Amino acid sequence: MKVRSTILSIILFCIVIKTKGQSEPIEKQWVKEDSVFIQNLAKIYKENPLKLTQILSYQGNKREKLGFDYYLISGSNGKGYVSVFYQFVYYKNEVVSFKLDPQMPGDARLIVRYARFYSQLFNINKDHLPEPLYFGYKEMSKPINGFSGAFFADGDIRFFMTPYSGIMYGDNGGDPISALQNRVNYLKIKKRITPQICELLLGNVVKNGW
């Protein structure tokens, strides 16, 4: 009975918080800033995708070495309600690939509006949510040096070969502790790893942070 009471209290608390958030006025200036920001991203992407680094990344971003002169820079940039999370892959100091992961506002009243903003640059799914945007993905999913076998792999395995599957290795981490992204992606393909696939992964291992 005590457990049920605790659960009901938590549910009620969440409902109150959500209701309070929905009753607060929408910050029109924030929406305007987000709209202009996303529109600018779309314009630059159409002109030259590689120039997105100039308005998204910061000079102080940490470099994560991937080996063979590859490194990764990640972070986020935003204006009002939302941010766009980015991962830029460099080869010899030149951008060769990137992933953009757009954030949606927490206010449900803004979902459809922001889906319309993001549709200038991102694919929007049936739930009105923008999907991550990849540039240079094909090159990132190829093995690097030393692989002489036939190149074949399904979508999950190809993704695991990219830095975007996670470059931290182990089982769990973070605060609160949770399964590492790379571990989750590995478990998806674990039962499909044949000797040939293993050789394929080893041909790409350094670029993926191993």
N, C-alpha and C. Protein backbone atom coordinates (compact mmCIF):
# COMPACT_ATOMS: atom_id res chain seq x y z
N MET A 1 0.83 -1.20 0.00
CA MET A 1 0.00 0.00 0.00
C MET A 1 0.87 1.26 0.00
N LYS A 2 1.96 1.20 0.78
CA LYS A 2 2.87 2.33 0.87
C LYS A 2 3.54 2.57 -0.48
N VAL A 3 3.91 1.47 -1.16
CA VAL A 3 4.56 1.58 -2.46
C VAL A 3 3.61 2.22 -3.47
N ARG A 4 2.33 1.77 -3.45
CA ARG A 4 1.33 2.33 -4.36
C ARG A 4 1.14 3.81 -4.12
N SER A 5 1.12 4.21 -2.85
CA SER A 5 0.96 5.62 -2.50
C SER A 5 2.12 6.45 -3.02
N THR A 6 3.33 5.90 -2.91
CA THR A 6 4.53 6.60 -3.39
C THR A 6 4.48 6.79 -4.90
N ILE A 7 4.07 5.73 -5.61
CA ILE A 7 3.98 5.79 -7.06
C ILE A 7 2.95 6.83 -7.50
N LEU A 8 1.80 6.84 -6.83
CA LEU A 8 0.76 7.82 -7.15
C LEU A 8 1.23 9.25 -6.91
N SER A 9 2.02 9.43 -5.85
CA SER A 9 2.56 10.77 -5.54
C SER A 9 3.50 11.23 -6.63
N ILE A 10 4.33 10.32 -7.12
CA ILE A 10 5.29 10.65 -8.18
C ILE A 10 4.55 11.02 -9.46
N ILE A 11 3.53 10.22 -9.81
CA ILE A 11 2.73 10.49 -11.01
C ILE A 11 2.05 11.85 -10.92
N LEU A 12 1.47 12.13 -9.75
CA LEU A 12 0.79 13.41 -9.54
C LEU A 12 1.76 14.57 -9.66
N PHE A 13 2.96 14.40 -9.09
CA PHE A 13 3.99 15.44 -9.16
C PHE A 13 4.35 15.73 -10.62
N CYS A 14 4.53 14.67 -11.42
CA CYS A 14 4.89 14.84 -12.83
C CYS A 14 3.79 15.56 -13.60
N ILE A 15 2.54 15.21 -13.29
CA ILE A 15 1.41 15.85 -13.96
C ILE A 15 1.36 17.34 -13.63
N VAL A 16 1.59 17.67 -12.36
CA VAL A 16 1.57 19.07 -11.93
C VAL A 16 2.66 19.87 -12.62
N ILE A 17 3.88 19.28 -12.66
CA ILE A 17 5.01 19.96 -13.31
C ILE A 17 4.72 20.19 -14.79
N LYS A 18 4.20 19.16 -15.47
CA LYS A 18 3.89 19.27 -16.89
C LYS A 18 2.82 20.32 -17.14
N THR A 19 1.79 20.31 -16.32
CA THR A 19 0.69 21.27 -16.46
C THR A 19 1.18 22.69 -16.26
N LYS A 20 2.05 22.85 -15.28
CA LYS A 20 2.61 24.18 -15.01
C LYS A 20 3.40 24.67 -16.20
N GLY A 21 4.21 23.76 -16.79
CA GLY A 21 5.01 24.14 -17.95
C GLY A 21 4.16 24.54 -19.13
N GLN A 22 3.05 23.82 -19.36
CA GLN A 22 2.17 24.10 -20.48
C GLN A 22 1.41 25.41 -20.28
N SER A 23 1.23 25.83 -19.03
CA SER A 23 0.47 27.05 -18.76
C SER A 23 1.32 28.30 -18.85
N GLU A 24 2.63 28.14 -18.87
CA GLU A 24 3.52 29.29 -18.97
C GLU A 24 3.48 29.86 -20.39
N PRO A 25 3.58 31.18 -20.53
CA PRO A 25 3.54 31.78 -21.87
C PRO A 25 4.75 31.37 -22.70
N ILE A 26 4.54 31.24 -23.99
CA ILE A 26 5.63 30.90 -24.91
C ILE A 26 6.49 32.14 -25.15
N GLU A 27 7.79 31.97 -25.04
CA GLU A 27 8.73 33.08 -25.28
C GLU A 27 8.87 33.29 -26.79
N LYS A 28 8.18 34.29 -27.31
CA LYS A 28 8.17 34.52 -28.76
C LYS A 28 9.56 34.87 -29.30
N GLN A 29 10.35 35.58 -28.49
CA GLN A 29 11.68 35.95 -28.94
C GLN A 29 12.56 34.72 -29.10
N TRP A 30 12.42 33.77 -28.18
CA TRP A 30 13.18 32.52 -28.28
C TRP A 30 12.80 31.76 -29.55
N VAL A 31 11.51 31.70 -29.83
CA VAL A 31 11.04 31.00 -31.03
C VAL A 31 11.60 31.67 -32.28
N LYS A 32 11.60 33.00 -32.29
CA LYS A 32 12.13 33.74 -33.43
C LYS A 32 13.62 33.46 -33.62
N GLU A 33 14.37 33.47 -32.52
CA GLU A 33 15.80 33.21 -32.60
C GLU A 33 16.08 31.80 -33.11
N ASP A 34 15.30 30.84 -32.64
CA ASP A 34 15.46 29.46 -33.11
C ASP A 34 15.15 29.35 -34.60
N SER A 35 14.09 30.02 -35.03
CA SER A 35 13.68 29.98 -36.43
C SER A 35 14.78 30.52 -37.34
N VAL A 36 15.34 31.66 -36.97
CA VAL A 36 16.41 32.28 -37.76
C VAL A 36 17.65 31.40 -37.75
N PHE A 37 17.97 30.83 -36.59
CA PHE A 37 19.15 29.97 -36.45
C PHE A 37 19.04 28.74 -37.36
N ILE A 38 17.90 28.06 -37.33
CA ILE A 38 17.70 26.85 -38.14
C ILE A 38 17.67 27.20 -39.62
N GLN A 39 17.04 28.31 -39.95
CA GLN A 39 16.98 28.76 -41.34
C GLN A 39 18.38 29.05 -41.87
N ASN A 40 19.22 29.63 -41.03
CA ASN A 40 20.60 29.93 -41.41
C ASN A 40 21.40 28.65 -41.63
N LEU A 41 21.18 27.66 -40.75
CA LEU A 41 21.84 26.37 -40.92
C LEU A 41 21.47 25.73 -42.26
N ALA A 42 20.18 25.76 -42.58
CA ALA A 42 19.71 25.17 -43.83
C ALA A 42 20.31 25.87 -45.05
N LYS A 43 20.40 27.18 -44.98
CA LYS A 43 20.94 27.96 -46.09
C LYS A 43 22.41 27.63 -46.31
N ILE A 44 23.18 27.59 -45.23
CA ILE A 44 24.61 27.29 -45.35
C ILE A 44 24.83 25.87 -45.83
N TYR A 45 24.01 24.93 -45.34
CA TYR A 45 24.15 23.53 -45.75
C TYR A 45 23.95 23.39 -47.26
N LYS A 46 22.98 24.10 -47.81
CA LYS A 46 22.71 24.02 -49.24
C LYS A 46 23.84 24.64 -50.06
N GLU A 47 24.47 25.69 -49.50
CA GLU A 47 25.57 26.35 -50.21
C GLU A 47 26.85 25.53 -50.13
N ASN A 48 27.19 25.11 -48.92
CA ASN A 48 28.41 24.31 -48.69
C ASN A 48 28.33 23.68 -47.31
N PRO A 49 28.00 22.39 -47.23
CA PRO A 49 27.83 21.71 -45.93
C PRO A 49 29.02 21.85 -45.00
N LEU A 50 30.22 21.88 -45.56
CA LEU A 50 31.43 21.93 -44.73
C LEU A 50 31.56 23.24 -43.96
N LYS A 51 30.86 24.28 -44.40
CA LYS A 51 30.94 25.58 -43.72
C LYS A 51 30.12 25.62 -42.44
N LEU A 52 29.35 24.57 -42.17
CA LEU A 52 28.56 24.54 -40.94
C LEU A 52 29.44 24.58 -39.70
N THR A 53 30.66 24.13 -39.83
CA THR A 53 31.57 24.16 -38.67
C THR A 53 31.82 25.59 -38.21
N GLN A 54 31.74 26.53 -39.12
CA GLN A 54 32.04 27.93 -38.79
C GLN A 54 30.99 28.55 -37.88
N ILE A 55 29.76 28.05 -37.92
CA ILE A 55 28.72 28.65 -37.07
C ILE A 55 28.27 27.72 -35.94
N LEU A 56 28.71 26.47 -35.97
CA LEU A 56 28.28 25.53 -34.94
C LEU A 56 29.35 25.26 -33.89
N SER A 57 30.56 24.95 -34.32
CA SER A 57 31.58 24.52 -33.36
C SER A 57 32.30 25.71 -32.74
N TYR A 58 32.87 25.45 -31.56
CA TYR A 58 33.61 26.46 -30.82
C TYR A 58 35.10 26.15 -30.86
N GLN A 59 35.91 27.19 -30.78
CA GLN A 59 37.35 27.00 -30.87
C GLN A 59 37.90 26.14 -29.73
N GLY A 60 37.23 26.18 -28.59
CA GLY A 60 37.72 25.44 -27.43
C GLY A 60 37.27 24.00 -27.35
N ASN A 61 36.53 23.52 -28.36
CA ASN A 61 36.06 22.13 -28.35
C ASN A 61 37.22 21.15 -28.27
N LYS A 62 37.05 20.13 -27.44
CA LYS A 62 38.09 19.12 -27.27
C LYS A 62 38.16 18.20 -28.47
N ARG A 63 39.39 17.85 -28.87
CA ARG A 63 39.59 16.90 -29.97
C ARG A 63 39.72 15.49 -29.41
N GLU A 64 38.99 14.57 -30.00
CA GLU A 64 39.10 13.16 -29.64
C GLU A 64 39.83 12.45 -30.78
N LYS A 65 41.04 11.98 -30.50
CA LYS A 65 41.84 11.32 -31.53
C LYS A 65 41.23 9.97 -31.91
N LEU A 66 41.11 9.73 -33.21
CA LEU A 66 40.56 8.47 -33.72
C LEU A 66 41.61 7.62 -34.40
N GLY A 67 42.80 8.16 -34.60
CA GLY A 67 43.87 7.42 -35.26
C GLY A 67 43.95 7.73 -36.74
N PHE A 68 45.11 7.44 -37.34
CA PHE A 68 45.33 7.66 -38.77
C PHE A 68 45.00 9.09 -39.20
N ASP A 69 45.33 10.05 -38.33
CA ASP A 69 45.11 11.48 -38.60
C ASP A 69 43.64 11.90 -38.58
N TYR A 70 42.78 11.02 -38.07
CA TYR A 70 41.37 11.38 -37.87
C TYR A 70 41.16 11.88 -36.44
N TYR A 71 40.29 12.85 -36.27
CA TYR A 71 39.87 13.23 -34.92
C TYR A 71 38.43 13.73 -34.96
N LEU A 72 37.80 13.72 -33.79
CA LEU A 72 36.38 14.06 -33.66
C LEU A 72 36.21 15.25 -32.73
N ILE A 73 35.36 16.18 -33.13
CA ILE A 73 34.98 17.31 -32.28
C ILE A 73 33.46 17.28 -32.12
N SER A 74 33.00 17.35 -30.88
CA SER A 74 31.56 17.30 -30.64
C SER A 74 31.14 18.40 -29.67
N GLY A 75 29.86 18.75 -29.73
CA GLY A 75 29.34 19.79 -28.84
C GLY A 75 27.92 20.13 -29.25
N SER A 76 27.46 21.30 -28.85
CA SER A 76 26.11 21.74 -29.21
C SER A 76 26.08 23.26 -29.34
N ASN A 77 25.10 23.74 -30.08
CA ASN A 77 24.93 25.18 -30.28
C ASN A 77 23.43 25.45 -30.42
N GLY A 78 22.97 26.49 -29.76
CA GLY A 78 21.55 26.80 -29.83
C GLY A 78 21.28 28.25 -29.47
N LYS A 79 20.03 28.66 -29.56
CA LYS A 79 19.66 30.05 -29.33
C LYS A 79 18.57 30.22 -28.28
N GLY A 80 17.39 29.65 -28.55
CA GLY A 80 16.25 29.85 -27.66
C GLY A 80 15.86 28.61 -26.89
N TYR A 81 14.87 27.89 -27.42
CA TYR A 81 14.37 26.68 -26.76
C TYR A 81 15.23 25.45 -27.06
N VAL A 82 15.93 25.45 -28.18
CA VAL A 82 16.59 24.23 -28.63
C VAL A 82 18.06 24.44 -28.98
N SER A 83 18.75 23.31 -29.08
CA SER A 83 20.13 23.28 -29.53
C SER A 83 20.27 22.22 -30.61
N VAL A 84 21.31 22.35 -31.42
CA VAL A 84 21.66 21.31 -32.39
C VAL A 84 22.98 20.71 -31.92
N PHE A 85 22.98 19.42 -31.67
CA PHE A 85 24.18 18.72 -31.24
C PHE A 85 24.95 18.26 -32.48
N TYR A 86 26.26 18.42 -32.45
CA TYR A 86 27.06 18.10 -33.63
C TYR A 86 28.25 17.21 -33.28
N GLN A 87 28.67 16.44 -34.28
CA GLN A 87 29.90 15.67 -34.24
C GLN A 87 30.58 15.86 -35.59
N PHE A 88 31.73 16.51 -35.58
CA PHE A 88 32.49 16.74 -36.81
C PHE A 88 33.72 15.83 -36.82
N VAL A 89 33.89 15.09 -37.91
CA VAL A 89 35.06 14.23 -38.07
C VAL A 89 36.03 14.92 -39.01
N TYR A 90 37.27 15.06 -38.56
CA TYR A 90 38.32 15.70 -39.34
C TYR A 90 39.36 14.68 -39.78
N TYR A 91 39.90 14.89 -40.95
CA TYR A 91 41.05 14.11 -41.42
C TYR A 91 42.12 15.10 -41.86
N LYS A 92 43.24 15.07 -41.15
CA LYS A 92 44.33 16.02 -41.41
C LYS A 92 43.80 17.45 -41.41
N ASN A 93 43.02 17.75 -40.37
CA ASN A 93 42.50 19.10 -40.11
C ASN A 93 41.45 19.59 -41.11
N GLU A 94 40.89 18.68 -41.89
CA GLU A 94 39.81 19.05 -42.79
C GLU A 94 38.57 18.21 -42.48
N VAL A 95 37.41 18.85 -42.46
CA VAL A 95 36.16 18.14 -42.17
C VAL A 95 35.84 17.18 -43.32
N VAL A 96 35.59 15.91 -42.97
CA VAL A 96 35.24 14.92 -43.99
C VAL A 96 33.86 14.32 -43.75
N SER A 97 33.34 14.50 -42.55
CA SER A 97 32.03 13.94 -42.23
C SER A 97 31.47 14.63 -40.99
N PHE A 98 30.15 14.59 -40.84
CA PHE A 98 29.56 15.11 -39.61
C PHE A 98 28.18 14.52 -39.39
N LYS A 99 27.73 14.65 -38.15
CA LYS A 99 26.37 14.26 -37.76
C LYS A 99 25.76 15.43 -37.00
N LEU A 100 24.54 15.82 -37.38
CA LEU A 100 23.80 16.85 -36.67
C LEU A 100 22.57 16.20 -36.03
N ASP A 101 22.40 16.41 -34.74
CA ASP A 101 21.28 15.81 -34.01
C ASP A 101 20.45 16.93 -33.38
N PRO A 102 19.32 17.28 -33.99
CA PRO A 102 18.52 18.41 -33.51
C PRO A 102 17.71 18.09 -32.26
N GLN A 103 17.60 19.06 -31.39
CA GLN A 103 16.81 18.93 -30.16
C GLN A 103 15.44 19.55 -30.39
N MET A 104 14.43 18.94 -29.79
CA MET A 104 13.08 19.51 -29.86
C MET A 104 12.74 20.18 -28.53
N PRO A 105 11.87 21.20 -28.56
CA PRO A 105 11.48 21.87 -27.31
C PRO A 105 10.67 20.93 -26.42
N GLY A 106 10.76 21.16 -25.11
CA GLY A 106 10.02 20.34 -24.17
C GLY A 106 8.54 20.66 -24.12
N ASP A 107 8.16 21.82 -24.60
CA ASP A 107 6.76 22.25 -24.60
C ASP A 107 6.03 21.63 -25.79
N ALA A 108 5.03 20.81 -25.53
CA ALA A 108 4.29 20.11 -26.59
C ALA A 108 3.61 21.07 -27.56
N ARG A 109 3.33 22.28 -27.11
CA ARG A 109 2.66 23.25 -27.98
C ARG A 109 3.55 23.69 -29.13
N LEU A 110 4.85 23.46 -29.00
CA LEU A 110 5.80 23.93 -30.01
C LEU A 110 6.27 22.83 -30.96
N ILE A 111 5.87 21.59 -30.73
CA ILE A 111 6.39 20.47 -31.51
C ILE A 111 6.13 20.62 -33.01
N VAL A 112 4.89 20.86 -33.39
CA VAL A 112 4.54 20.97 -34.81
C VAL A 112 5.25 22.16 -35.45
N ARG A 113 5.31 23.26 -34.73
CA ARG A 113 5.95 24.46 -35.27
C ARG A 113 7.44 24.22 -35.50
N TYR A 114 8.10 23.58 -34.53
CA TYR A 114 9.53 23.33 -34.67
C TYR A 114 9.83 22.25 -35.70
N ALA A 115 8.90 21.33 -35.87
CA ALA A 115 9.05 20.32 -36.93
C ALA A 115 9.07 21.02 -38.29
N ARG A 116 8.26 22.05 -38.42
CA ARG A 116 8.23 22.83 -39.66
C ARG A 116 9.54 23.59 -39.85
N PHE A 117 10.07 24.16 -38.76
CA PHE A 117 11.37 24.84 -38.85
C PHE A 117 12.44 23.86 -39.33
N TYR A 118 12.51 22.72 -38.66
CA TYR A 118 13.57 21.75 -38.93
C TYR A 118 13.43 21.09 -40.30
N SER A 119 12.23 21.08 -40.86
CA SER A 119 12.02 20.41 -42.15
C SER A 119 12.81 21.06 -43.28
N GLN A 120 13.33 22.27 -43.05
CA GLN A 120 14.18 22.93 -44.04
C GLN A 120 15.51 22.21 -44.22
N LEU A 121 15.89 21.42 -43.20
CA LEU A 121 17.20 20.78 -43.22
C LEU A 121 17.16 19.29 -42.89
N PHE A 122 16.23 18.89 -42.03
CA PHE A 122 16.17 17.50 -41.55
C PHE A 122 14.93 16.78 -42.07
N ASN A 123 15.03 15.47 -42.16
CA ASN A 123 13.84 14.66 -42.44
C ASN A 123 13.00 14.59 -41.17
N ILE A 124 11.70 14.71 -41.31
CA ILE A 124 10.78 14.68 -40.17
C ILE A 124 9.99 13.37 -40.21
N ASN A 125 9.97 12.64 -39.09
CA ASN A 125 9.25 11.36 -39.07
C ASN A 125 7.76 11.56 -38.78
N LYS A 126 7.03 10.46 -38.70
CA LYS A 126 5.57 10.54 -38.53
C LYS A 126 5.15 11.11 -37.18
N ASP A 127 6.09 11.14 -36.22
CA ASP A 127 5.80 11.70 -34.90
C ASP A 127 6.17 13.18 -34.81
N HIS A 128 6.44 13.79 -35.96
CA HIS A 128 6.84 15.21 -36.05
C HIS A 128 8.20 15.46 -35.39
N LEU A 129 9.07 14.46 -35.40
CA LEU A 129 10.40 14.60 -34.81
C LEU A 129 11.46 14.57 -35.90
N PRO A 130 12.44 15.48 -35.84
CA PRO A 130 13.50 15.50 -36.84
C PRO A 130 14.49 14.36 -36.62
N GLU A 131 14.97 13.79 -37.72
CA GLU A 131 15.94 12.71 -37.64
C GLU A 131 17.35 13.27 -37.80
N PRO A 132 18.36 12.60 -37.23
CA PRO A 132 19.74 13.08 -37.36
C PRO A 132 20.14 13.21 -38.83
N LEU A 133 20.99 14.17 -39.11
CA LEU A 133 21.49 14.40 -40.46
C LEU A 133 22.96 13.99 -40.52
N TYR A 134 23.30 13.17 -41.51
CA TYR A 134 24.68 12.73 -41.69
C TYR A 134 25.24 13.28 -42.99
N PHE A 135 26.51 13.64 -42.96
CA PHE A 135 27.24 14.04 -44.16
C PHE A 135 28.52 13.23 -44.22
N GLY A 136 28.83 12.66 -45.38
CA GLY A 136 30.04 11.84 -45.51
C GLY A 136 29.94 10.51 -44.78
N TYR A 137 28.71 10.04 -44.59
CA TYR A 137 28.49 8.81 -43.81
C TYR A 137 29.11 7.59 -44.50
N LYS A 138 28.98 7.53 -45.81
CA LYS A 138 29.48 6.36 -46.56
C LYS A 138 30.97 6.16 -46.34
N GLU A 139 31.72 7.25 -46.36
CA GLU A 139 33.17 7.14 -46.16
C GLU A 139 33.50 6.70 -44.75
N MET A 140 32.71 7.14 -43.78
CA MET A 140 32.96 6.77 -42.39
C MET A 140 32.65 5.30 -42.12
N SER A 141 31.80 4.70 -42.93
CA SER A 141 31.41 3.30 -42.71
C SER A 141 32.27 2.32 -43.49
N LYS A 142 33.31 2.82 -44.15
CA LYS A 142 34.22 1.94 -44.88
C LYS A 142 35.42 1.57 -44.01
N PRO A 143 36.01 0.38 -44.22
CA PRO A 143 37.24 0.03 -43.50
C PRO A 143 38.38 0.92 -43.96
N ILE A 144 39.38 1.08 -43.09
CA ILE A 144 40.53 1.92 -43.46
C ILE A 144 41.59 1.04 -44.12
N ASN A 145 42.78 1.03 -43.53
CA ASN A 145 43.90 0.32 -44.13
C ASN A 145 43.90 -1.17 -43.79
N GLY A 146 44.47 -1.95 -44.66
CA GLY A 146 44.77 -3.34 -44.34
C GLY A 146 43.66 -4.33 -44.54
N PHE A 147 42.50 -3.91 -45.01
CA PHE A 147 41.41 -4.86 -45.22
C PHE A 147 41.36 -5.24 -46.69
N SER A 148 41.50 -6.55 -46.97
CA SER A 148 41.55 -7.02 -48.35
C SER A 148 40.36 -7.89 -48.73
N GLY A 149 39.46 -8.16 -47.77
CA GLY A 149 38.31 -9.01 -48.04
C GLY A 149 37.20 -8.28 -48.75
N ALA A 150 36.15 -9.02 -49.08
CA ALA A 150 34.99 -8.40 -49.72
C ALA A 150 34.27 -7.51 -48.71
N PHE A 151 33.85 -6.34 -49.16
CA PHE A 151 33.21 -5.38 -48.26
C PHE A 151 31.71 -5.57 -48.30
N PHE A 152 31.18 -6.16 -47.24
CA PHE A 152 29.74 -6.36 -47.14
C PHE A 152 29.33 -6.23 -45.67
N ALA A 153 28.21 -5.62 -45.44
CA ALA A 153 27.71 -5.46 -44.07
C ALA A 153 26.32 -4.86 -44.13
N ASP A 154 25.50 -5.20 -43.13
CA ASP A 154 24.17 -4.60 -43.08
C ASP A 154 24.24 -3.22 -42.43
N GLY A 155 23.09 -2.57 -42.33
CA GLY A 155 23.06 -1.19 -41.83
C GLY A 155 23.59 -1.03 -40.42
N ASP A 156 23.23 -1.93 -39.51
CA ASP A 156 23.68 -1.83 -38.12
C ASP A 156 25.19 -2.00 -38.02
N ILE A 157 25.74 -2.93 -38.80
CA ILE A 157 27.18 -3.17 -38.77
C ILE A 157 27.93 -1.99 -39.37
N ARG A 158 27.40 -1.45 -40.45
CA ARG A 158 28.02 -0.27 -41.05
C ARG A 158 28.03 0.90 -40.06
N PHE A 159 26.92 1.07 -39.34
CA PHE A 159 26.86 2.15 -38.35
C PHE A 159 27.88 1.92 -37.24
N PHE A 160 28.04 0.67 -36.81
CA PHE A 160 29.01 0.35 -35.76
C PHE A 160 30.43 0.68 -36.20
N MET A 161 30.68 0.68 -37.49
CA MET A 161 32.00 0.98 -38.02
C MET A 161 32.31 2.47 -38.03
N THR A 162 31.32 3.30 -37.77
CA THR A 162 31.53 4.75 -37.78
C THR A 162 31.80 5.27 -36.37
N PRO A 163 32.43 6.43 -36.25
CA PRO A 163 32.63 7.04 -34.93
C PRO A 163 31.31 7.41 -34.25
N TYR A 164 30.23 7.52 -35.04
CA TYR A 164 28.94 7.94 -34.50
C TYR A 164 28.28 6.87 -33.63
N SER A 165 28.82 5.66 -33.65
CA SER A 165 28.27 4.59 -32.80
C SER A 165 28.80 4.71 -31.38
N GLY A 166 29.71 5.66 -31.15
CA GLY A 166 30.29 5.84 -29.82
C GLY A 166 31.76 5.49 -29.81
N ILE A 167 32.57 6.30 -29.16
CA ILE A 167 34.01 6.05 -29.12
C ILE A 167 34.50 5.75 -27.71
N MET A 168 33.58 5.64 -26.76
CA MET A 168 33.94 5.21 -25.40
C MET A 168 33.59 3.73 -25.27
N TYR A 169 34.55 2.95 -24.79
CA TYR A 169 34.37 1.50 -24.74
C TYR A 169 34.29 0.99 -23.31
N GLY A 170 33.53 -0.08 -23.14
CA GLY A 170 33.31 -0.66 -21.83
C GLY A 170 31.85 -1.08 -21.73
N ASP A 171 31.38 -1.32 -20.53
CA ASP A 171 29.99 -1.73 -20.33
C ASP A 171 29.09 -0.56 -19.93
N ASN A 172 29.47 0.12 -18.84
CA ASN A 172 28.63 1.18 -18.30
C ASN A 172 29.47 2.40 -17.95
N GLY A 173 28.80 3.53 -17.82
CA GLY A 173 29.49 4.75 -17.42
C GLY A 173 28.52 5.90 -17.29
N GLY A 174 29.06 7.08 -16.98
CA GLY A 174 28.22 8.27 -16.87
C GLY A 174 27.61 8.43 -15.50
N ASP A 175 26.86 9.52 -15.33
CA ASP A 175 26.20 9.83 -14.07
C ASP A 175 24.80 10.38 -14.38
N PRO A 176 23.73 9.60 -14.17
CA PRO A 176 23.73 8.27 -13.54
C PRO A 176 24.31 7.21 -14.48
N ILE A 177 24.78 6.12 -13.89
CA ILE A 177 25.42 5.07 -14.66
C ILE A 177 24.41 4.41 -15.61
N SER A 178 24.82 4.27 -16.86
CA SER A 178 23.98 3.62 -17.87
C SER A 178 24.88 2.93 -18.88
N ALA A 179 24.30 2.09 -19.71
CA ALA A 179 25.08 1.37 -20.72
C ALA A 179 25.67 2.37 -21.71
N LEU A 180 26.96 2.21 -22.03
CA LEU A 180 27.60 3.10 -22.99
C LEU A 180 26.99 2.90 -24.37
N GLN A 181 26.95 3.98 -25.14
CA GLN A 181 26.33 3.94 -26.46
C GLN A 181 26.98 2.88 -27.35
N ASN A 182 28.31 2.80 -27.30
CA ASN A 182 29.00 1.84 -28.15
C ASN A 182 28.65 0.41 -27.76
N ARG A 183 28.46 0.18 -26.44
CA ARG A 183 28.09 -1.16 -25.97
C ARG A 183 26.71 -1.54 -26.46
N VAL A 184 25.78 -0.60 -26.42
CA VAL A 184 24.41 -0.85 -26.89
C VAL A 184 24.43 -1.23 -28.37
N ASN A 185 25.21 -0.49 -29.15
CA ASN A 185 25.29 -0.77 -30.59
C ASN A 185 25.99 -2.09 -30.87
N TYR A 186 26.96 -2.44 -30.04
CA TYR A 186 27.64 -3.74 -30.20
C TYR A 186 26.68 -4.90 -29.95
N LEU A 187 25.87 -4.78 -28.91
CA LEU A 187 24.93 -5.85 -28.57
C LEU A 187 23.91 -6.09 -29.69
N LYS A 188 23.62 -5.04 -30.47
CA LYS A 188 22.69 -5.19 -31.59
C LYS A 188 23.24 -6.12 -32.67
N ILE A 189 24.57 -6.12 -32.84
CA ILE A 189 25.17 -6.88 -33.94
C ILE A 189 25.94 -8.11 -33.46
N LYS A 190 26.01 -8.30 -32.15
CA LYS A 190 26.85 -9.35 -31.56
C LYS A 190 26.63 -10.71 -32.21
N LYS A 191 25.39 -11.12 -32.39
CA LYS A 191 25.08 -12.45 -32.92
C LYS A 191 25.31 -12.56 -34.42
N ARG A 192 25.58 -11.43 -35.06
CA ARG A 192 25.80 -11.45 -36.51
C ARG A 192 27.28 -11.36 -36.88
N ILE A 193 28.15 -11.31 -35.87
CA ILE A 193 29.58 -11.15 -36.13
C ILE A 193 30.19 -12.51 -36.50
N THR A 194 30.45 -12.71 -37.76
CA THR A 194 31.11 -13.90 -38.29
C THR A 194 32.61 -13.60 -38.36
N PRO A 195 33.45 -14.60 -38.65
CA PRO A 195 34.89 -14.32 -38.84
C PRO A 195 35.14 -13.26 -39.90
N GLN A 196 34.33 -13.26 -40.97
CA GLN A 196 34.51 -12.27 -42.03
C GLN A 196 34.14 -10.86 -41.53
N ILE A 197 33.04 -10.78 -40.78
CA ILE A 197 32.64 -9.49 -40.22
C ILE A 197 33.66 -9.01 -39.20
N CYS A 198 34.20 -9.93 -38.43
CA CYS A 198 35.23 -9.57 -37.44
C CYS A 198 36.43 -8.95 -38.13
N GLU A 199 36.85 -9.55 -39.25
CA GLU A 199 37.97 -9.01 -40.02
C GLU A 199 37.63 -7.62 -40.56
N LEU A 200 36.39 -7.48 -40.99
CA LEU A 200 35.93 -6.18 -41.49
C LEU A 200 36.00 -5.12 -40.41
N LEU A 201 35.54 -5.46 -39.20
CA LEU A 201 35.57 -4.51 -38.08
C LEU A 201 37.00 -4.16 -37.69
N LEU A 202 37.88 -5.15 -37.72
CA LEU A 202 39.28 -4.89 -37.38
C LEU A 202 39.92 -3.95 -38.40
N GLY A 203 39.42 -3.98 -39.62
CA GLY A 203 39.93 -3.07 -40.64
C GLY A 203 39.49 -1.64 -40.42
N ASN A 204 38.55 -1.45 -39.52
CA ASN A 204 38.02 -0.11 -39.25
C ASN A 204 38.20 0.31 -37.81
N VAL A 205 38.89 -0.51 -37.05
CA VAL A 205 38.91 -0.39 -35.61
C VAL A 205 39.48 0.92 -35.10
N VAL A 206 40.53 1.45 -35.74
CA VAL A 206 41.16 2.67 -35.23
C VAL A 206 40.26 3.88 -35.42
N LYS A 207 39.61 3.97 -36.57
CA LYS A 207 38.72 5.11 -36.84
C LYS A 207 37.54 5.13 -35.88
N ASN A 208 37.22 3.97 -35.33
CA ASN A 208 36.11 3.87 -34.40
C ASN A 208 36.57 4.01 -32.96
N GLY A 209 37.83 4.41 -32.74
CA GLY A 209 38.29 4.74 -31.40
C GLY A 209 38.82 3.58 -30.59
N TRP A 210 38.96 2.38 -31.16
CA TRP A 210 39.47 1.26 -30.38
C TRP A 210 40.95 1.43 -30.12
